[in-house]
């Protein structure tokens, strides 16, 4: 599967990818695969065990949400990580900024787009009560 609204591939982990997780949570949810390049080839992760502990903690500490973080293995024995992000009913911010996944891009919401996003989230939340 190529990158899309719900799928993102990254060769290695960088904390800035918390923005992508935030964007997925604010949109329709999705999966990020760490250790796979844009051509969908598993290149593996030398520090997968450490990341398996670090990534879930960072997601909770910085975003206040929980995501499934799974260690998977290719047919060749190379390890990679799958991060499964569910859509959130509440607006999720990363360092005070709201990110949103649109198509295969991550956008930081500002101005009118941010206002509309927040109002829409609160409207949906209000309907649930």
Protein backbone atom coordinates (compact mmCIF):
# COMPACT_ATOMS: atom_id res chain seq x y z
CA UNK A 1 0.00 0.00 0.00
CA UNK A 2 1.36 3.41 -0.91
CA UNK A 3 1.18 6.44 1.36
CA UNK A 4 -2.36 7.73 1.62
CA UNK A 5 -4.82 9.43 3.95
CA UNK A 6 -4.31 6.65 6.49
CA UNK A 7 -0.79 5.31 5.84
CA UNK A 8 2.66 6.87 6.30
CA UNK A 9 6.10 5.26 5.91
CA UNK A 10 9.23 6.47 7.70
CA UNK A 11 12.71 4.97 7.51
CA UNK A 12 13.59 5.84 11.11
CA UNK A 13 12.01 7.47 14.14
CA UNK A 14 12.27 11.19 14.89
CA UNK A 15 10.25 12.85 17.65
CA UNK A 16 8.79 15.27 15.10
CA UNK A 17 6.70 12.34 13.84
CA UNK A 18 4.51 12.95 16.89
CA UNK A 19 3.02 15.68 14.66
CA UNK A 20 1.94 12.98 12.19
CA UNK A 21 0.39 10.94 15.00
CA UNK A 22 -1.43 14.09 16.16
CA UNK A 23 -2.63 14.64 12.57
CA UNK A 24 -3.97 11.10 12.28
CA UNK A 25 -5.77 11.40 15.64
CA UNK A 26 -7.39 14.67 14.54
CA UNK A 27 -8.50 13.18 11.20
CA UNK A 28 -9.62 9.63 10.38
CA UNK A 29 -6.86 7.77 12.21
CA UNK A 30 -4.18 5.78 10.45
CA UNK A 31 -0.94 3.81 10.62
CA UNK A 32 2.68 4.90 10.59
CA UNK A 33 5.30 2.30 9.72
CA UNK A 34 8.79 3.00 11.04
CA UNK A 35 11.61 1.11 9.31
CA UNK A 36 9.98 1.09 5.86
CA UNK A 37 10.94 3.49 3.07
CA UNK A 38 8.62 5.31 0.64
CA UNK A 39 9.05 2.43 -1.84
CA UNK A 40 7.52 0.19 0.85
CA UNK A 41 10.77 -1.75 1.33
CA UNK A 42 11.51 -2.88 4.88
CA UNK A 43 14.92 -1.51 5.77
CA UNK A 44 14.68 -2.50 9.43
CA UNK A 45 15.42 -0.76 12.71
CA UNK A 46 18.59 -1.38 14.73
CA UNK A 47 17.00 0.04 17.90
CA UNK A 48 13.50 -1.42 17.60
CA UNK A 49 13.33 -2.72 21.19
CA UNK A 50 14.15 0.73 22.63
CA UNK A 51 11.65 2.42 20.30
CA UNK A 52 8.98 -0.06 21.35
CA UNK A 53 9.22 1.45 24.84
CA UNK A 54 9.98 5.07 23.92
CA UNK A 55 7.30 5.72 21.30
CA UNK A 56 4.22 4.75 23.39
CA UNK A 57 5.52 6.83 26.32
CA UNK A 58 6.09 9.86 24.10
CA UNK A 59 2.62 9.55 22.55
CA UNK A 60 0.99 9.53 25.99
CA UNK A 61 3.23 12.24 27.47
CA UNK A 62 3.08 14.70 24.56
CA UNK A 63 -0.33 14.00 23.03
CA UNK A 64 -2.36 12.55 25.90
CA UNK A 65 -3.61 9.66 23.78
CA UNK A 66 -2.83 5.96 23.52
CA UNK A 67 -1.83 4.30 20.26
CA UNK A 68 -1.04 0.67 19.54
CA UNK A 69 2.69 0.27 18.86
CA UNK A 70 3.58 -3.14 17.43
CA UNK A 71 6.92 -4.72 16.57
CA UNK A 72 6.65 -6.64 13.30
CA UNK A 73 9.12 -8.63 11.22
CA UNK A 74 9.55 -8.94 7.46
CA UNK A 75 10.04 -12.25 5.65
CA UNK A 76 13.76 -11.43 5.62
CA UNK A 77 13.79 -11.06 9.41
CA UNK A 78 14.07 -7.25 9.47
CA UNK A 79 12.14 -5.59 12.28
CA UNK A 80 9.88 -2.58 11.83
CA UNK A 81 7.29 -0.81 13.95
CA UNK A 82 3.61 -0.24 13.23
CA UNK A 83 1.88 2.63 15.06
CA UNK A 84 -1.92 2.39 14.87
CA UNK A 85 -3.66 5.69 15.67
CA UNK A 86 -7.41 5.81 16.27
CA UNK A 87 -9.36 8.99 15.45
CA UNK A 88 -9.99 11.15 18.51
CA UNK A 89 -13.30 12.78 19.43
CA UNK A 90 -11.36 15.52 21.23
CA UNK A 91 -9.00 17.95 19.48
CA UNK A 92 -5.39 16.84 20.01
CA UNK A 93 -2.51 19.33 20.13
CA UNK A 94 1.26 18.81 19.96
CA UNK A 95 3.19 21.64 21.66
CA UNK A 96 0.13 23.88 21.34
CA UNK A 97 -0.31 23.28 17.59
CA UNK A 98 -3.11 21.30 15.96
CA UNK A 99 -2.11 19.04 13.08
CA UNK A 100 -4.42 17.33 10.61
CA UNK A 101 -3.89 14.55 8.08
CA UNK A 102 -5.28 15.47 4.67
CA UNK A 103 -4.56 13.19 1.73
CA UNK A 104 -0.95 12.05 2.14
CA UNK A 105 0.16 15.28 3.84
CA UNK A 106 0.19 16.63 7.37
CA UNK A 107 -0.99 20.20 7.81
CA UNK A 108 -0.80 22.53 10.79
CA UNK A 109 -4.20 24.11 11.27
CA UNK A 110 -4.27 27.89 11.67
CA UNK A 111 -6.75 30.74 11.46
CA UNK A 112 -10.21 29.94 10.13
CA UNK A 113 -9.30 26.30 9.43
CA UNK A 114 -8.34 25.85 13.10
CA UNK A 115 -11.52 27.56 14.31
CA UNK A 116 -13.71 25.37 12.10
CA UNK A 117 -11.85 22.24 13.20
CA UNK A 118 -12.25 23.02 16.92
CA UNK A 119 -15.94 23.92 16.52
CA UNK A 120 -16.61 20.73 14.56
CA UNK A 121 -14.91 18.58 17.21
CA UNK A 122 -16.85 20.26 20.02
CA UNK A 123 -20.14 19.91 18.10
CA UNK A 124 -19.55 16.18 17.70
CA UNK A 125 -18.58 15.88 21.35
CA UNK A 126 -21.73 17.73 22.43
CA UNK A 127 -23.90 15.39 20.38
CA UNK A 128 -22.52 12.41 22.30
CA UNK A 129 -23.88 13.72 25.62
